């Protein structure tokens, strides 16, 4: 699995052409191997949530799924610190996603852990 991240910025101008600051765009896409794609199809995990937007009635509201990250997501923000925070959230989600794939691949076999 590969996470491909692209960052862009655009100068914002006012109605009369004055400088209004910068706008930042974060684009992320996950590139999967054929084996990883097969595991997702086997377990029908396309809609498995990887990130959340918050809570509604005490339940987390999904934002990004395996399917949306493989297709690619784009977010535009006005603050670079928010862009960096969003990037870290996606990286963490991908780390958890890789763990999920590793677990899916071990069914029907065994894992040996030495201490």
C-alpha atoms as a PDB file:
ATOM      1  CA  UNK A   1       0.000   0.000   0.000  1.00  0.00           C
ATOM      2  CA  UNK A   2       1.212   3.462  -0.876  1.00  0.00           C
ATOM      3  CA  UNK A   3      -0.213   6.771   0.325  1.00  0.00           C
ATOM      4  CA  UNK A   4       0.246   9.520  -2.254  1.00  0.00           C
ATOM      5  CA  UNK A   5      -0.052  13.045  -0.847  1.00  0.00           C
ATOM      6  CA  UNK A   6      -0.137  16.231  -2.876  1.00  0.00           C
ATOM      7  CA  UNK A   7      -0.161  19.738  -1.373  1.00  0.00           C
ATOM      8  CA  UNK A   8      -1.047  22.866  -3.313  1.00  0.00           C
ATOM      9  CA  UNK A   9      -1.619  26.514  -2.496  1.00  0.00           C
ATOM     10  CA  UNK A  10      -3.437  29.329  -4.252  1.00  0.00           C
ATOM     11  CA  UNK A  11      -3.370  33.044  -3.483  1.00  0.00           C
ATOM     12  CA  UNK A  12      -6.824  34.365  -2.617  1.00  0.00           C
ATOM     13  CA  UNK A  13      -7.811  37.761  -3.990  1.00  0.00           C
ATOM     14  CA  UNK A  14     -10.595  40.063  -2.957  1.00  0.00           C
ATOM     15  CA  UNK A  15     -13.336  41.549  -5.117  1.00  0.00           C
ATOM     16  CA  UNK A  16     -11.074  44.415  -6.159  1.00  0.00           C
ATOM     17  CA  UNK A  17      -7.971  42.252  -6.589  1.00  0.00           C
ATOM     18  CA  UNK A  18      -6.427  42.732  -3.134  1.00  0.00           C
ATOM     19  CA  UNK A  19      -4.483  39.886  -1.523  1.00  0.00           C
ATOM     20  CA  UNK A  20      -6.665  37.947   0.949  1.00  0.00           C
ATOM     21  CA  UNK A  21      -4.165  35.276   2.013  1.00  0.00           C
ATOM     22  CA  UNK A  22      -3.625  31.741   0.834  1.00  0.00           C
ATOM     23  CA  UNK A  23      -5.837  28.719   0.349  1.00  0.00           C
ATOM     24  CA  UNK A  24      -4.301  25.262   0.787  1.00  0.00           C
ATOM     25  CA  UNK A  25      -5.345  22.012  -0.875  1.00  0.00           C
ATOM     26  CA  UNK A  26      -4.504  18.530   0.357  1.00  0.00           C
ATOM     27  CA  UNK A  27      -5.077  15.628  -2.030  1.00  0.00           C
ATOM     28  CA  UNK A  28      -4.568  12.055  -0.821  1.00  0.00           C
ATOM     29  CA  UNK A  29      -4.921   8.747  -2.603  1.00  0.00           C
ATOM     30  CA  UNK A  30      -4.073   5.199  -1.589  1.00  0.00           C
ATOM     31  CA  UNK A  31      -2.517   2.919  -4.190  1.00  0.00           C
ATOM     32  CA  UNK A  32      -3.095  -0.772  -3.409  1.00  0.00           C
ATOM     33  CA  UNK A  33      -1.417  -3.937  -4.605  1.00  0.00           C
ATOM     34  CA  UNK A  34      -3.504  -6.586  -6.361  1.00  0.00           C
ATOM     35  CA  UNK A  35      -3.347  -8.748  -3.206  1.00  0.00           C
ATOM     36  CA  UNK A  36      -4.662  -5.876  -1.076  1.00  0.00           C
ATOM     37  CA  UNK A  37      -7.463  -5.205  -3.562  1.00  0.00           C
ATOM     38  CA  UNK A  38      -8.390  -8.897  -3.427  1.00  0.00           C
ATOM     39  CA  UNK A  39      -8.553  -8.844   0.384  1.00  0.00           C
ATOM     40  CA  UNK A  40     -10.835  -5.789   0.352  1.00  0.00           C
ATOM     41  CA  UNK A  41     -13.110  -7.475  -2.197  1.00  0.00           C
ATOM     42  CA  UNK A  42     -13.097 -10.781  -0.281  1.00  0.00           C
ATOM     43  CA  UNK A  43     -14.150  -9.131   2.992  1.00  0.00           C
ATOM     44  CA  UNK A  44     -16.392  -6.539   1.281  1.00  0.00           C
ATOM     45  CA  UNK A  45     -14.529  -3.813   3.154  1.00  0.00           C
ATOM     46  CA  UNK A  46     -14.904  -0.998   0.589  1.00  0.00           C
ATOM     47  CA  UNK A  47     -17.145   1.026   2.908  1.00  0.00           C
ATOM     48  CA  UNK A  48     -15.065   0.445   6.038  1.00  0.00           C
ATOM     49  CA  UNK A  49     -14.594   3.887   7.662  1.00  0.00           C
ATOM     50  CA  UNK A  50     -11.031   5.125   8.121  1.00  0.00           C
ATOM     51  CA  UNK A  51     -11.676   8.671   9.405  1.00  0.00           C
ATOM     52  CA  UNK A  52     -14.591  10.352  11.155  1.00  0.00           C
ATOM     53  CA  UNK A  53     -16.080  13.867  11.166  1.00  0.00           C
ATOM     54  CA  UNK A  54     -17.427  13.804  14.711  1.00  0.00           C
ATOM     55  CA  UNK A  55     -20.355  12.391  16.637  1.00  0.00           C
ATOM     56  CA  UNK A  56     -24.110  12.309  16.034  1.00  0.00           C
ATOM     57  CA  UNK A  57     -26.378  10.838  18.714  1.00  0.00           C
ATOM     58  CA  UNK A  58     -23.330   9.316  20.439  1.00  0.00           C
ATOM     59  CA  UNK A  59     -22.144   7.523  17.287  1.00  0.00           C
ATOM     60  CA  UNK A  60     -19.093   8.450  15.239  1.00  0.00           C
ATOM     61  CA  UNK A  61     -19.930   9.793  11.777  1.00  0.00           C
ATOM     62  CA  UNK A  62     -17.713   8.277   9.050  1.00  0.00           C
ATOM     63  CA  UNK A  63     -15.917  10.631   6.690  1.00  0.00           C
ATOM     64  CA  UNK A  64     -13.376   8.736   4.593  1.00  0.00           C
ATOM     65  CA  UNK A  65     -13.711   5.067   3.664  1.00  0.00           C
ATOM     66  CA  UNK A  66     -11.386   2.580   2.005  1.00  0.00           C
ATOM     67  CA  UNK A  67     -13.208   3.236  -1.267  1.00  0.00           C
ATOM     68  CA  UNK A  68     -12.934   7.029  -1.043  1.00  0.00           C
ATOM     69  CA  UNK A  69      -9.209   6.881  -0.238  1.00  0.00           C
ATOM     70  CA  UNK A  70      -8.506   4.535  -3.139  1.00  0.00           C
ATOM     71  CA  UNK A  71     -10.386   6.915  -5.455  1.00  0.00           C
ATOM     72  CA  UNK A  72      -8.668   9.948  -3.920  1.00  0.00           C
ATOM     73  CA  UNK A  73      -9.883  12.728  -1.639  1.00  0.00           C
ATOM     74  CA  UNK A  74      -9.288  16.468  -1.748  1.00  0.00           C
ATOM     75  CA  UNK A  75      -9.774  19.019   1.001  1.00  0.00           C
ATOM     76  CA  UNK A  76      -9.309  22.789   0.764  1.00  0.00           C
ATOM     77  CA  UNK A  77      -8.511  24.733   3.926  1.00  0.00           C
ATOM     78  CA  UNK A  78      -7.545  28.314   4.779  1.00  0.00           C
ATOM     79  CA  UNK A  79      -4.955  27.475   7.456  1.00  0.00           C
ATOM     80  CA  UNK A  80      -1.749  25.500   6.896  1.00  0.00           C
ATOM     81  CA  UNK A  81      -1.886  24.050  10.424  1.00  0.00           C
ATOM     82  CA  UNK A  82      -5.281  22.502   9.607  1.00  0.00           C
ATOM     83  CA  UNK A  83      -3.780  21.050   6.412  1.00  0.00           C
ATOM     84  CA  UNK A  84      -0.945  19.489   8.418  1.00  0.00           C
ATOM     85  CA  UNK A  85      -3.385  18.134  11.010  1.00  0.00           C
ATOM     86  CA  UNK A  86      -5.569  16.612   8.281  1.00  0.00           C
ATOM     87  CA  UNK A  87      -2.488  15.046   6.731  1.00  0.00           C
ATOM     88  CA  UNK A  88      -1.531  13.420  10.048  1.00  0.00           C
ATOM     89  CA  UNK A  89      -5.073  12.070  10.451  1.00  0.00           C
ATOM     90  CA  UNK A  90      -4.885  10.471   6.996  1.00  0.00           C
ATOM     91  CA  UNK A  91      -1.446   8.991   7.738  1.00  0.00           C
ATOM     92  CA  UNK A  92      -2.783   7.495  10.992  1.00  0.00           C
ATOM     93  CA  UNK A  93      -5.827   6.122   9.173  1.00  0.00           C
ATOM     94  CA  UNK A  94      -3.567   4.490   6.589  1.00  0.00           C
ATOM     95  CA  UNK A  95      -1.437   2.936   9.327  1.00  0.00           C
ATOM     96  CA  UNK A  96      -4.600   1.421  10.833  1.00  0.00           C
ATOM     97  CA  UNK A  97      -5.747   0.387   7.358  1.00  0.00           C
ATOM     98  CA  UNK A  98      -2.459  -1.472   6.784  1.00  0.00           C
ATOM     99  CA  UNK A  99      -2.932  -3.274  10.113  1.00  0.00           C
ATOM    100  CA  UNK A 100      -6.446  -4.269   9.001  1.00  0.00           C
ATOM    101  CA  UNK A 101      -5.049  -5.657   5.743  1.00  0.00           C
ATOM    102  CA  UNK A 102      -2.361  -7.575   7.641  1.00  0.00           C
ATOM    103  CA  UNK A 103      -5.002  -9.166   9.884  1.00  0.00           C
ATOM    104  CA  UNK A 104      -7.206 -10.045   6.898  1.00  0.00           C
ATOM    105  CA  UNK A 105      -4.239 -11.793   5.292  1.00  0.00           C
ATOM    106  CA  UNK A 106      -3.621 -14.010   8.364  1.00  0.00           C
ATOM    107  CA  UNK A 107      -7.024 -15.730   8.483  1.00  0.00           C
ATOM    108  CA  UNK A 108      -6.676 -19.410   7.754  1.00  0.00           C
ATOM    109  CA  UNK A 109      -3.107 -19.434   9.018  1.00  0.00           C
ATOM    110  CA  UNK A 110      -1.307 -18.767  12.242  1.00  0.00           C
ATOM    111  CA  UNK A 111       0.854 -16.069  13.700  1.00  0.00           C
ATOM    112  CA  UNK A 112       3.884 -16.860  15.835  1.00  0.00           C
ATOM    113  CA  UNK A 113       5.120 -14.218  18.247  1.00  0.00           C
ATOM    114  CA  UNK A 114       8.433 -14.751  20.006  1.00  0.00           C
ATOM    115  CA  UNK A 115       9.362 -12.933  23.220  1.00  0.00           C
END
